[in-house]
C-alpha atoms as a PDB file:
ATOM      1  CA  MET A   1     -45.102  84.501 -39.593  1.00  0.00           C
ATOM      2  CA  THR A   2     -47.689  85.396 -42.083  1.00  0.00           C
ATOM      3  CA  ASN A   3     -50.989  84.838 -43.365  1.00  0.00           C
ATOM      4  CA  LEU A   4     -50.913  86.859 -46.061  1.00  0.00           C
ATOM      5  CA  TYR A   5     -49.275  86.342 -49.762  1.00  0.00           C
ATOM      6  CA  PRO A   6     -48.936  88.693 -53.085  1.00  0.00           C
ATOM      7  CA  ARG A   7     -51.068  87.330 -55.890  1.00  0.00           C
ATOM      8  CA  THR A   8     -48.094  86.903 -58.367  1.00  0.00           C
ATOM      9  CA  THR A   9     -49.243  85.503 -61.242  1.00  0.00           C
ATOM     10  CA  ILE A  10     -47.429  82.574 -62.605  1.00  0.00           C
ATOM     11  CA  VAL A  11     -47.714  83.011 -66.312  1.00  0.00           C
ATOM     12  CA  LEU A  12     -48.187  80.003 -68.889  1.00  0.00           C
ATOM     13  CA  ALA A  13     -44.306  79.706 -69.294  1.00  0.00           C
ATOM     14  CA  ALA A  14     -44.630  78.277 -65.619  1.00  0.00           C
ATOM     15  CA  VAL A  15     -46.989  75.864 -66.016  1.00  0.00           C
ATOM     16  CA  VAL A  16     -44.906  74.592 -69.207  1.00  0.00           C
ATOM     17  CA  LEU A  17     -41.697  74.518 -66.761  1.00  0.00           C
ATOM     18  CA  MET A  18     -43.621  72.454 -64.294  1.00  0.00           C
ATOM     19  CA  ILE A  19     -44.565  69.996 -66.795  1.00  0.00           C
ATOM     20  CA  ALA A  20     -41.024  69.649 -68.405  1.00  0.00           C
ATOM     21  CA  LEU A  21     -39.747  68.774 -64.339  1.00  0.00           C
ATOM     22  CA  LEU A  22     -42.384  66.055 -64.372  1.00  0.00           C
ATOM     23  CA  ALA A  23     -40.798  64.376 -67.202  1.00  0.00           C
ATOM     24  CA  SER A  24     -37.389  65.245 -66.127  1.00  0.00           C
ATOM     25  CA  GLY A  25     -37.462  62.645 -62.992  1.00  0.00           C
ATOM     26  CA  GLY A  26     -37.420  65.274 -60.350  1.00  0.00           C
ATOM     27  CA  CYS A  27     -34.608  67.616 -61.355  1.00  0.00           C
ATOM     28  CA  ALA A  28     -35.189  70.893 -61.790  1.00  0.00           C
ATOM     29  CA  SER A  29     -33.862  72.779 -64.822  1.00  0.00           C
ATOM     30  CA  SER A  30     -32.880  76.571 -64.189  1.00  0.00           C
ATOM     31  CA  GLY A  31     -33.180  78.960 -66.872  1.00  0.00           C
ATOM     32  CA  SER A  32     -29.520  78.666 -67.589  1.00  0.00           C
ATOM     33  CA  GLY A  33     -29.409  75.076 -68.249  1.00  0.00           C
ATOM     34  CA  ALA A  34     -28.264  73.658 -64.947  1.00  0.00           C
ATOM     35  CA  LYS A  35     -29.750  71.336 -63.242  1.00  0.00           C
ATOM     36  CA  VAL A  36     -31.007  71.140 -59.529  1.00  0.00           C
ATOM     37  CA  ALA A  37     -30.352  68.419 -57.812  1.00  0.00           C
ATOM     38  CA  ALA A  38     -33.894  66.756 -56.124  1.00  0.00           C
ATOM     39  CA  ASP A  39     -34.047  63.553 -54.801  1.00  0.00           C
ATOM     40  CA  VAL A  40     -38.032  62.816 -54.395  1.00  0.00           C
ATOM     41  CA  GLN A  41     -39.236  59.799 -52.126  1.00  0.00           C
ATOM     42  CA  ASP A  42     -42.494  59.014 -50.860  1.00  0.00           C
ATOM     43  CA  TRP A  43     -43.037  59.784 -47.393  1.00  0.00           C
ATOM     44  CA  SER A  44     -45.489  58.398 -45.075  1.00  0.00           C
ATOM     45  CA  GLN A  45     -45.753  59.773 -41.065  1.00  0.00           C
ATOM     46  CA  GLY A  46     -48.504  60.121 -38.546  1.00  0.00           C
ATOM     47  CA  GLY A  47     -51.358  59.529 -41.039  1.00  0.00           C
ATOM     48  CA  PHE A  48     -49.858  62.188 -43.759  1.00  0.00           C
ATOM     49  CA  SER A  49     -48.512  61.115 -46.578  1.00  0.00           C
ATOM     50  CA  GLY A  50     -46.887  62.753 -49.635  1.00  0.00           C
ATOM     51  CA  ARG A  51     -43.438  63.088 -51.218  1.00  0.00           C
ATOM     52  CA  LYS A  52     -40.107  64.164 -49.456  1.00  0.00           C
ATOM     53  CA  ILE A  53     -38.003  66.345 -51.729  1.00  0.00           C
ATOM     54  CA  THR A  54     -34.567  67.229 -50.995  1.00  0.00           C
ATOM     55  CA  THR A  55     -32.362  69.253 -52.609  1.00  0.00           C
ATOM     56  CA  ASP A  56     -29.201  71.083 -51.303  1.00  0.00           C
ATOM     57  CA  HIS A  57     -30.800  73.366 -48.939  1.00  0.00           C
ATOM     58  CA  PHE A  58     -34.182  72.051 -48.205  1.00  0.00           C
ATOM     59  CA  VAL A  59     -35.774  69.041 -46.925  1.00  0.00           C
ATOM     60  CA  ILE A  60     -39.767  69.493 -48.049  1.00  0.00           C
ATOM     61  CA  TYR A  61     -42.471  67.252 -46.821  1.00  0.00           C
ATOM     62  CA  SER A  62     -45.039  67.686 -49.451  1.00  0.00           C
ATOM     63  CA  THR A  63     -48.819  66.319 -49.917  1.00  0.00           C
ATOM     64  CA  LEU A  64     -49.838  68.894 -52.642  1.00  0.00           C
ATOM     65  CA  ILE A  65     -52.264  67.441 -54.907  1.00  0.00           C
ATOM     66  CA  ASP A  66     -51.136  69.827 -57.361  1.00  0.00           C
ATOM     67  CA  ARG A  67     -48.385  67.608 -58.536  1.00  0.00           C
ATOM     68  CA  GLU A  68     -46.894  69.953 -61.199  1.00  0.00           C
ATOM     69  CA  LEU A  69     -46.726  72.788 -58.777  1.00  0.00           C
ATOM     70  CA  GLU A  70     -45.222  70.611 -56.581  1.00  0.00           C
ATOM     71  CA  ALA A  71     -42.648  69.565 -59.566  1.00  0.00           C
ATOM     72  CA  VAL A  72     -41.460  73.178 -59.261  1.00  0.00           C
ATOM     73  CA  LEU A  73     -40.519  73.248 -55.694  1.00  0.00           C
ATOM     74  CA  PRO A  74     -37.254  72.394 -55.928  1.00  0.00           C
ATOM     75  CA  GLU A  75     -36.011  74.921 -58.350  1.00  0.00           C
ATOM     76  CA  PHE A  76     -38.122  77.445 -56.960  1.00  0.00           C
ATOM     77  CA  MET A  77     -36.527  77.079 -53.700  1.00  0.00           C
ATOM     78  CA  GLU A  78     -33.302  77.048 -54.204  1.00  0.00           C
ATOM     79  CA  ALA A  79     -33.559  79.802 -56.343  1.00  0.00           C
ATOM     80  CA  CYS A  80     -35.160  81.485 -53.150  1.00  0.00           C
ATOM     81  CA  TYR A  81     -31.827  80.298 -50.946  1.00  0.00           C
ATOM     82  CA  GLU A  82     -29.777  82.037 -53.497  1.00  0.00           C
ATOM     83  CA  ARG A  83     -31.597  85.145 -53.434  1.00  0.00           C
ATOM     84  CA  TYR A  84     -31.462  85.118 -49.353  1.00  0.00           C
ATOM     85  CA  GLU A  85     -27.801  84.652 -49.392  1.00  0.00           C
ATOM     86  CA  SER A  86     -27.204  87.845 -52.030  1.00  0.00           C
ATOM     87  CA  THR A  87     -29.085  89.764 -49.438  1.00  0.00           C
ATOM     88  CA  PHE A  88     -26.370  89.103 -46.784  1.00  0.00           C
ATOM     89  CA  ARG A  89     -23.587  88.918 -49.575  1.00  0.00           C
ATOM     90  CA  THR A  90     -21.306  86.569 -47.358  1.00  0.00           C
ATOM     91  CA  PRO A  91     -22.228  83.112 -46.857  1.00  0.00           C
ATOM     92  CA  PRO A  92     -23.332  81.526 -43.823  1.00  0.00           C
ATOM     93  CA  ALA A  93     -20.571  79.794 -41.636  1.00  0.00           C
ATOM     94  CA  GLU A  94     -21.702  76.229 -41.656  1.00  0.00           C
ATOM     95  CA  PRO A  95     -23.805  74.550 -44.080  1.00  0.00           C
ATOM     96  CA  ILE A  96     -27.908  75.369 -44.136  1.00  0.00           C
ATOM     97  CA  ARG A  97     -30.705  72.919 -44.645  1.00  0.00           C
ATOM     98  CA  LEU A  98     -34.329  73.907 -44.188  1.00  0.00           C
ATOM     99  CA  THR A  99     -37.206  71.897 -43.147  1.00  0.00           C
ATOM    100  CA  THR A 100     -40.797  72.520 -44.993  1.00  0.00           C
ATOM    101  CA  TYR A 101     -44.011  71.383 -45.099  1.00  0.00           C
ATOM    102  CA  ILE A 102     -46.085  72.293 -47.391  1.00  0.00           C
ATOM    103  CA  PHE A 103     -50.142  70.414 -47.022  1.00  0.00           C
ATOM    104  CA  GLY A 104     -52.353  70.108 -49.742  1.00  0.00           C
ATOM    105  CA  ASN A 105     -55.386  71.739 -47.572  1.00  0.00           C
ATOM    106  CA  ARG A 106     -55.764  73.591 -44.410  1.00  0.00           C
ATOM    107  CA  GLN A 107     -57.539  70.877 -42.339  1.00  0.00           C
ATOM    108  CA  GLU A 108     -54.086  68.722 -42.572  1.00  0.00           C
ATOM    109  CA  TRP A 109     -52.163  71.667 -41.829  1.00  0.00           C
ATOM    110  CA  GLN A 110     -54.430  72.123 -38.619  1.00  0.00           C
ATOM    111  CA  ARG A 111     -54.085  68.717 -37.586  1.00  0.00           C
ATOM    112  CA  TYR A 112     -50.331  69.177 -38.068  1.00  0.00           C
ATOM    113  CA  ILE A 113     -50.317  72.204 -35.513  1.00  0.00           C
ATOM    114  CA  ARG A 114     -52.334  70.474 -33.269  1.00  0.00           C
ATOM    115  CA  GLU A 115     -50.042  67.145 -33.197  1.00  0.00           C
ATOM    116  CA  HIS A 116     -46.791  69.322 -33.315  1.00  0.00           C
ATOM    117  CA  HIS A 117     -47.038  72.820 -32.195  1.00  0.00           C
ATOM    118  CA  PRO A 118     -49.637  72.474 -29.530  1.00  0.00           C
ATOM    119  CA  ALA A 119     -48.713  75.994 -27.385  1.00  0.00           C
ATOM    120  CA  ARG A 120     -48.965  77.908 -30.270  1.00  0.00           C
ATOM    121  CA  SER A 121     -52.010  76.424 -32.342  1.00  0.00           C
ATOM    122  CA  SER A 122     -54.624  78.747 -31.049  1.00  0.00           C
ATOM    123  CA  VAL A 123     -52.267  81.825 -32.433  1.00  0.00           C
ATOM    124  CA  TYR A 124     -51.818  79.488 -35.437  1.00  0.00           C
ATOM    125  CA  GLN A 125     -55.680  79.298 -36.138  1.00  0.00           C
ATOM    126  CA  ARG A 126     -56.151  82.519 -36.776  1.00  0.00           C
ATOM    127  CA  ILE A 127     -53.956  82.071 -39.915  1.00  0.00           C
ATOM    128  CA  LEU A 128     -56.636  81.770 -42.740  1.00  0.00           C
ATOM    129  CA  SER A 129     -53.956  81.603 -45.582  1.00  0.00           C
ATOM    130  CA  GLY A 130     -50.130  80.930 -45.525  1.00  0.00           C
ATOM    131  CA  GLY A 131     -48.190  79.416 -42.420  1.00  0.00           C
ATOM    132  CA  PHE A 132     -45.640  79.828 -40.106  1.00  0.00           C
ATOM    133  CA  THR A 133     -42.266  79.663 -39.110  1.00  0.00           C
ATOM    134  CA  GLU A 134     -40.670  78.040 -36.094  1.00  0.00           C
ATOM    135  CA  GLY A 135     -36.943  78.496 -36.217  1.00  0.00           C
ATOM    136  CA  THR A 136     -35.515  76.803 -38.893  1.00  0.00           C
ATOM    137  CA  LEU A 137     -39.087  74.688 -39.731  1.00  0.00           C
ATOM    138  CA  SER A 138     -42.274  76.252 -41.836  1.00  0.00           C
ATOM    139  CA  ALA A 139     -45.447  74.779 -42.282  1.00  0.00           C
ATOM    140  CA  SER A 140     -47.928  76.211 -44.878  1.00  0.00           C
ATOM    141  CA  PHE A 141     -50.951  75.381 -47.137  1.00  0.00           C
ATOM    142  CA  PHE A 142     -51.877  75.480 -50.578  1.00  0.00           C
ATOM    143  CA  THR A 143     -54.800  77.889 -51.349  1.00  0.00           C
ATOM    144  CA  ALA A 144     -53.922  78.729 -55.035  1.00  0.00           C
ATOM    145  CA  ARG A 145     -51.026  78.445 -57.398  1.00  0.00           C
ATOM    146  CA  SER A 146     -50.944  82.255 -57.138  1.00  0.00           C
ATOM    147  CA  THR A 147     -50.027  82.337 -53.591  1.00  0.00           C
ATOM    148  CA  ALA A 148     -48.219  78.912 -52.903  1.00  0.00           C
ATOM    149  CA  LEU A 149     -44.656  79.798 -54.280  1.00  0.00           C
ATOM    150  CA  SER A 150     -45.170  83.346 -52.736  1.00  0.00           C
ATOM    151  CA  CYS A 151     -45.719  81.931 -49.048  1.00  0.00           C
ATOM    152  CA  LEU A 152     -42.936  79.427 -49.399  1.00  0.00           C
ATOM    153  CA  ALA A 153     -40.509  82.109 -50.180  1.00  0.00           C
ATOM    154  CA  HIS A 154     -41.473  84.556 -47.511  1.00  0.00           C
ATOM    155  CA  GLU A 155     -41.426  81.804 -44.912  1.00  0.00           C
ATOM    156  CA  GLY A 156     -37.788  80.259 -46.195  1.00  0.00           C
ATOM    157  CA  PHE A 157     -36.397  83.781 -45.363  1.00  0.00           C
ATOM    158  CA  HIS A 158     -38.120  83.374 -41.564  1.00  0.00           C
ATOM    159  CA  GLN A 159     -36.057  80.086 -41.489  1.00  0.00           C
ATOM    160  CA  TYR A 160     -33.225  81.386 -43.526  1.00  0.00           C
ATOM    161  CA  LEU A 161     -32.527  84.180 -41.210  1.00  0.00           C
ATOM    162  CA  HIS A 162     -33.044  82.100 -37.591  1.00  0.00           C
ATOM    163  CA  ALA A 163     -30.084  79.892 -39.176  1.00  0.00           C
ATOM    164  CA  ARG A 164     -27.854  83.140 -39.627  1.00  0.00           C
ATOM    165  CA  CYS A 165     -28.812  84.961 -36.217  1.00  0.00           C
ATOM    166  CA  PRO A 166     -30.693  82.817 -33.803  1.00  0.00           C
ATOM    167  CA  ASP A 167     -30.200  86.265 -31.714  1.00  0.00           C
ATOM    168  CA  ALA A 168     -33.886  88.048 -32.236  1.00  0.00           C
ATOM    169  CA  VAL A 169     -34.494  90.532 -35.350  1.00  0.00           C
ATOM    170  CA  PRO A 170     -36.894  93.372 -34.954  1.00  0.00           C
ATOM    171  CA  ALA A 171     -40.334  92.135 -36.298  1.00  0.00           C
ATOM    172  CA  TRP A 172     -40.676  95.034 -38.600  1.00  0.00           C
ATOM    173  CA  LEU A 173     -37.293  93.737 -40.088  1.00  0.00           C
ATOM    174  CA  ASN A 174     -38.420  90.487 -39.964  1.00  0.00           C
ATOM    175  CA  GLU A 175     -41.653  90.681 -41.448  1.00  0.00           C
ATOM    176  CA  GLY A 176     -40.501  93.571 -44.027  1.00  0.00           C
ATOM    177  CA  LEU A 177     -37.508  91.858 -45.432  1.00  0.00           C
ATOM    178  CA  ALA A 178     -39.934  88.461 -45.549  1.00  0.00           C
ATOM    179  CA  CYS A 179     -42.453  90.591 -47.769  1.00  0.00           C
ATOM    180  CA  TYR A 180     -39.553  91.828 -50.057  1.00  0.00           C
ATOM    181  CA  HIS A 181     -38.591  88.260 -50.983  1.00  0.00           C
ATOM    182  CA  GLU A 182     -41.850  87.066 -51.499  1.00  0.00           C
ATOM    183  CA  ALA A 183     -43.108  88.827 -54.754  1.00  0.00           C
ATOM    184  CA  TYR A 184     -42.002  86.823 -58.053  1.00  0.00           C
ATOM    185  CA  SER A 185     -42.240  86.276 -61.910  1.00  0.00           C
ATOM    186  CA  TYR A 186     -41.708  83.503 -63.811  1.00  0.00           C
ATOM    187  CA  ALA A 187     -42.012  85.546 -67.148  1.00  0.00           C
ATOM    188  CA  SER A 188     -38.698  84.310 -68.659  1.00  0.00           C
ATOM    189  CA  GLY A 189     -39.375  80.486 -67.573  1.00  0.00           C
ATOM    190  CA  LYS A 190     -37.250  80.580 -64.337  1.00  0.00           C
ATOM    191  CA  PRO A 191     -38.119  82.741 -61.019  1.00  0.00           C
ATOM    192  CA  GLU A 192     -37.266  86.315 -61.473  1.00  0.00           C
ATOM    193  CA  PHE A 193     -37.473  87.968 -57.928  1.00  0.00           C
ATOM    194  CA  THR A 194     -39.351  91.398 -57.981  1.00  0.00           C
ATOM    195  CA  PRO A 195     -39.345  93.024 -54.726  1.00  0.00           C
ATOM    196  CA  ARG A 196     -40.510  96.581 -55.361  1.00  0.00           C
ATOM    197  CA  GLU A 197     -43.512  95.256 -57.492  1.00  0.00           C
ATOM    198  CA  ASN A 198     -44.903  93.411 -54.733  1.00  0.00           C
ATOM    199  CA  THR A 199     -48.892  94.133 -56.088  1.00  0.00           C
ATOM    200  CA  PHE A 200     -50.771  92.192 -53.243  1.00  0.00           C
ATOM    201  CA  ARG A 201     -49.106  94.757 -50.664  1.00  0.00           C
ATOM    202  CA  ILE A 202     -49.287  97.609 -52.887  1.00  0.00           C
ATOM    203  CA  GLY A 203     -53.208  97.128 -52.704  1.00  0.00           C
ATOM    204  CA  HIS A 204     -53.438  96.799 -49.057  1.00  0.00           C
ATOM    205  CA  LEU A 205     -51.536  99.787 -48.772  1.00  0.00           C
ATOM    206  CA  ARG A 206     -53.553 101.528 -51.030  1.00  0.00           C
ATOM    207  CA  ASP A 207     -56.833 100.348 -48.955  1.00  0.00           C
ATOM    208  CA  ALA A 208     -55.428 101.550 -46.201  1.00  0.00           C
ATOM    209  CA  LEU A 209     -54.341 104.651 -47.749  1.00  0.00           C
ATOM    210  CA  GLN A 210     -58.433 105.365 -48.975  1.00  0.00           C
ATOM    211  CA  ARG A 211     -59.576 104.220 -45.516  1.00  0.00           C
ATOM    212  CA  LYS A 212     -57.125 106.756 -43.777  1.00  0.00           C
ATOM    213  CA  GLU A 213     -56.237 103.417 -41.576  1.00  0.00           C
ATOM    214  CA  LEU A 214     -52.589 103.448 -42.160  1.00  0.00           C
ATOM    215  CA  LEU A 215     -51.076 102.980 -38.481  1.00  0.00           C
ATOM    216  CA  PRO A 216     -48.337 104.959 -36.901  1.00  0.00           C
ATOM    217  CA  LEU A 217     -44.837 104.137 -37.830  1.00  0.00           C
ATOM    218  CA  ARG A 218     -43.861 103.804 -34.610  1.00  0.00           C
ATOM    219  CA  GLU A 219     -46.506 101.045 -34.378  1.00  0.00           C
ATOM    220  CA  ILE A 220     -44.655  99.293 -37.081  1.00  0.00           C
ATOM    221  CA  VAL A 221     -41.647  99.571 -35.588  1.00  0.00           C
ATOM    222  CA  ALA A 222     -42.438  98.174 -31.895  1.00  0.00           C
ATOM    223  CA  THR A 223     -45.004  95.698 -32.744  1.00  0.00           C
ATOM    224  CA  ASP A 224     -44.592  92.224 -32.309  1.00  0.00           C
ATOM    225  CA  ALA A 225     -46.186  90.547 -35.879  1.00  0.00           C
ATOM    226  CA  GLY A 226     -47.710  87.847 -33.399  1.00  0.00           C
ATOM    227  CA  GLN A 227     -49.152  90.429 -31.554  1.00  0.00           C
ATOM    228  CA  VAL A 228     -51.129  92.169 -34.429  1.00  0.00           C
ATOM    229  CA  ILE A 229     -52.542  88.226 -35.424  1.00  0.00           C
ATOM    230  CA  SER A 230     -53.299  87.594 -32.184  1.00  0.00           C
ATOM    231  CA  HIS A 231     -55.272  90.863 -30.770  1.00  0.00           C
ATOM    232  CA  ARG A 232     -56.374  92.143 -34.015  1.00  0.00           C
ATOM    233  CA  ASN A 233     -58.821  91.927 -36.956  1.00  0.00           C
ATOM    234  CA  SER A 234     -57.484  91.040 -40.455  1.00  0.00           C
ATOM    235  CA  ILE A 235     -57.726  94.638 -42.160  1.00  0.00           C
ATOM    236  CA  VAL A 236     -55.055  95.586 -39.615  1.00  0.00           C
ATOM    237  CA  THR A 237     -53.079  92.396 -39.911  1.00  0.00           C
ATOM    238  CA  GLN A 238     -53.033  93.374 -44.299  1.00  0.00           C
ATOM    239  CA  THR A 239     -51.997  96.712 -43.348  1.00  0.00           C
ATOM    240  CA  TYR A 240     -49.261  95.751 -40.921  1.00  0.00           C
ATOM    241  CA  TYR A 241     -47.371  93.549 -43.214  1.00  0.00           C
ATOM    242  CA  ALA A 242     -48.060  95.883 -46.284  1.00  0.00           C
ATOM    243  CA  GLN A 243     -46.268  98.812 -43.963  1.00  0.00           C
ATOM    244  CA  ALA A 244     -43.221  96.419 -43.257  1.00  0.00           C
ATOM    245  CA  TRP A 245     -42.587  95.938 -46.723  1.00  0.00           C
ATOM    246  CA  ALA A 246     -42.843  99.404 -47.446  1.00  0.00           C
ATOM    247  CA  LEU A 247     -40.640 100.702 -44.903  1.00  0.00           C
ATOM    248  CA  VAL A 248     -37.844  97.997 -45.991  1.00  0.00           C
ATOM    249  CA  THR A 249     -38.234  99.292 -49.813  1.00  0.00           C
ATOM    250  CA  TYR A 250     -38.107 102.780 -48.282  1.00  0.00           C
ATOM    251  CA  LEU A 251     -34.898 102.428 -46.295  1.00  0.00           C
ATOM    252  CA  ARG A 252     -33.296 100.256 -48.892  1.00  0.00           C
ATOM    253  CA  HIS A 253     -34.003 102.115 -52.299  1.00  0.00           C
ATOM    254  CA  GLY A 254     -35.856 105.277 -51.136  1.00  0.00           C
ATOM    255  CA  GLY A 255     -35.615 108.595 -49.099  1.00  0.00           C
ATOM    256  CA  GLY A 256     -33.166 109.383 -52.028  1.00  0.00           C
ATOM    257  CA  GLY A 257     -30.458 106.928 -50.984  1.00  0.00           C
ATOM    258  CA  ARG A 258     -30.124 108.317 -47.373  1.00  0.00           C
ATOM    259  CA  TYR A 259     -30.930 105.581 -45.775  1.00  0.00           C
ATOM    260  CA  ALA A 260     -29.190 102.870 -47.929  1.00  0.00           C
ATOM    261  CA  ARG A 261     -25.605 102.490 -46.787  1.00  0.00           C
ATOM    262  CA  ALA A 262     -26.936 102.434 -43.114  1.00  0.00           C
ATOM    263  CA  PHE A 263     -29.406  99.665 -44.340  1.00  0.00           C
ATOM    264  CA  ASP A 264     -26.437  97.757 -46.012  1.00  0.00           C
ATOM    265  CA  ARG A 265     -24.739  98.209 -42.558  1.00  0.00           C
ATOM    266  CA  MET A 266     -27.580  96.422 -40.483  1.00  0.00           C
ATOM    267  CA  LEU A 267     -27.665  93.610 -42.703  1.00  0.00           C
ATOM    268  CA  LYS A 268     -24.114  93.018 -42.462  1.00  0.00           C
ATOM    269  CA  ASP A 269     -24.782  93.090 -38.784  1.00  0.00           C
ATOM    270  CA  ILE A 270     -27.007  90.498 -38.758  1.00  0.00           C
ATOM    271  CA  ALA A 271     -24.984  88.410 -40.674  1.00  0.00           C
ATOM    272  CA  ASP A 272     -22.302  88.953 -38.156  1.00  0.00           C
ATOM    273  CA  GLY A 273     -24.547  88.087 -34.715  1.00  0.00           C
ATOM    274  CA  THR A 274     -24.117  92.030 -33.395  1.00  0.00           C
ATOM    275  CA  ILE A 275     -27.302  93.779 -34.151  1.00  0.00           C
ATOM    276  CA  ARG A 276     -28.804  93.157 -30.483  1.00  0.00           C
ATOM    277  CA  ILE A 277     -25.507  94.428 -29.045  1.00  0.00           C
ATOM    278  CA  LYS A 278     -25.847  97.636 -30.997  1.00  0.00           C
ATOM    279  CA  ALA A 279     -29.267  98.006 -30.391  1.00  0.00           C
ATOM    280  CA  SER A 280     -28.889  97.306 -26.614  1.00  0.00           C
ATOM    281  CA  ALA A 281     -26.094 100.077 -26.826  1.00  0.00           C
ATOM    282  CA  ALA A 282     -28.896 102.379 -28.354  1.00  0.00           C
ATOM    283  CA  ARG A 283     -31.454 101.668 -25.898  1.00  0.00           C
ATOM    284  CA  LEU A 284     -29.069 103.170 -22.695  1.00  0.00           C
ATOM    285  CA  THR A 285     -27.925 106.340 -24.495  1.00  0.00           C
ATOM    286  CA  ALA A 286     -29.572 109.556 -22.881  1.00  0.00           C
ATOM    287  CA  SER A 287     -31.989 110.203 -25.415  1.00  0.00           C
ATOM    288  CA  ALA A 288     -33.991 106.949 -25.048  1.00  0.00           C
ATOM    289  CA  ARG A 289     -37.117 106.252 -23.501  1.00  0.00           C
ATOM    290  CA  PRO A 290     -37.587 104.358 -20.766  1.00  0.00           C
ATOM    291  CA  ASP A 291     -40.432 102.557 -22.987  1.00  0.00           C
ATOM    292  CA  THR A 292     -37.812 102.268 -26.083  1.00  0.00           C
ATOM    293  CA  SER A 293     -38.919  98.777 -27.823  1.00  0.00           C
ATOM    294  CA  PHE A 294     -36.146  96.546 -29.055  1.00  0.00           C
ATOM    295  CA  GLY A 295     -37.802  97.416 -32.442  1.00  0.00           C
ATOM    296  CA  GLU A 296     -37.264 100.771 -32.145  1.00  0.00           C
ATOM    297  CA  ALA A 297     -33.721 100.881 -30.797  1.00  0.00           C
ATOM    298  CA  VAL A 298     -32.389  99.023 -33.610  1.00  0.00           C
ATOM    299  CA  PHE A 299     -33.734 101.288 -36.075  1.00  0.00           C
ATOM    300  CA  ALA A 300     -32.615 104.512 -34.204  1.00  0.00           C
ATOM    301  CA  SER A 301     -29.412 102.937 -33.972  1.00  0.00           C
ATOM    302  CA  TYR A 302     -28.838 102.422 -37.649  1.00  0.00           C
ATOM    303  CA  PHE A 303     -30.533 105.376 -39.242  1.00  0.00           C
ATOM    304  CA  GLY A 304     -29.940 108.012 -36.241  1.00  0.00           C
ATOM    305  CA  VAL A 305     -33.739 109.002 -35.767  1.00  0.00           C
ATOM    306  CA  ALA A 306     -36.799 107.969 -34.375  1.00  0.00           C
ATOM    307  CA  PRO A 307     -39.735 106.686 -36.361  1.00  0.00           C
ATOM    308  CA  ASN A 308     -42.225 109.358 -35.766  1.00  0.00           C
ATOM    309  CA  GLU A 309     -39.323 111.808 -37.494  1.00  0.00           C
ATOM    310  CA  ILE A 310     -39.848 110.511 -40.763  1.00  0.00           C
ATOM    311  CA  GLU A 311     -43.235 109.979 -40.758  1.00  0.00           C
ATOM    312  CA  ASP A 312     -44.162 112.392 -43.551  1.00  0.00           C
ATOM    313  CA  GLU A 313     -41.304 110.898 -45.695  1.00  0.00           C
ATOM    314  CA  TYR A 314     -42.703 107.586 -45.014  1.00  0.00           C
ATOM    315  CA  TYR A 315     -46.020 108.758 -45.687  1.00  0.00           C
ATOM    316  CA  ASN A 316     -44.790 109.976 -49.551  1.00  0.00           C
ATOM    317  CA  HIS A 317     -43.269 107.271 -50.150  1.00  0.00           C
ATOM    318  CA  LEU A 318     -46.306 104.989 -49.590  1.00  0.00           C
ATOM    319  CA  VAL A 319     -48.442 107.568 -51.397  1.00  0.00           C
ATOM    320  CA  LYS A 320     -45.822 107.064 -54.747  1.00  0.00           C
ATOM    321  CA  ALA A 321     -45.521 103.314 -53.978  1.00  0.00           C
ATOM    322  CA  CYS A 322     -49.447 103.242 -54.665  1.00  0.00           C
ATOM    323  CA  GLY A 323     -49.317 105.064 -57.708  1.00  0.00           C
ATOM    324  CA  PHE A 324     -51.046 108.290 -56.156  1.00  0.00           C
END
């Protein structure tokens, strides 16, 4: 769940692509010339009306007014799905199809959550831009072209992860990986993902560094995203997501490669469904504090250190990521 997405530029090539898609009758073209099969039908239910778009791995319910943006959804979402699968390197045991709602405005989205997610409605109402995921369903709303697709990519990862690993994954990893998948470019005429060039998250890191308001790494690792949204202001929320993204990029690409193999092993255990067992074993070690959180236990069991032990390394990574 998140309410912040990168301002990824959709260049002119994307607009040309979208217009071409409209003329193609609903089949999205990839850069290689292949077609993404999409069944598009009118949809009306519960006072909402729009289009139901069915692809191999998604059922998308859209009330978007921006029909050119809507037309690119089949190709973009299937490209996201391929990206999600490549993260875990092994295909899921069972076929996956994810349900995605994208509303044309926040008012429609608010009505949807009041009617269909009343128990969490008060928390979701705090989201000013973006959306949320529950299980394999996500619901988001349009604010601008530059953020809409990043929002869907972010929430789509949450959906996919739940389908692959119904057991809980720690929030820092769940949100960090979702942010890792949200940055993209259309410079080549097809979606290309740029996880280490997430300019929006980098901008929030710069702001936090300049204000000297970075959150301690242990807090990032131990805190649930819902707690951040429920109890903190928007600036702290922005910082939390930016630092979660930076932590994933650090463990996967930074630190001189010291943590890369452990990170890959962690992803394998997520796919195998064994991550919770290993984290629980770490909680029982003599060195673990009685108040060790699930997020800290996962961190320690795979990387062999407590978050505070790599605080300085992580800080230096943030500085470099921000270009300081």
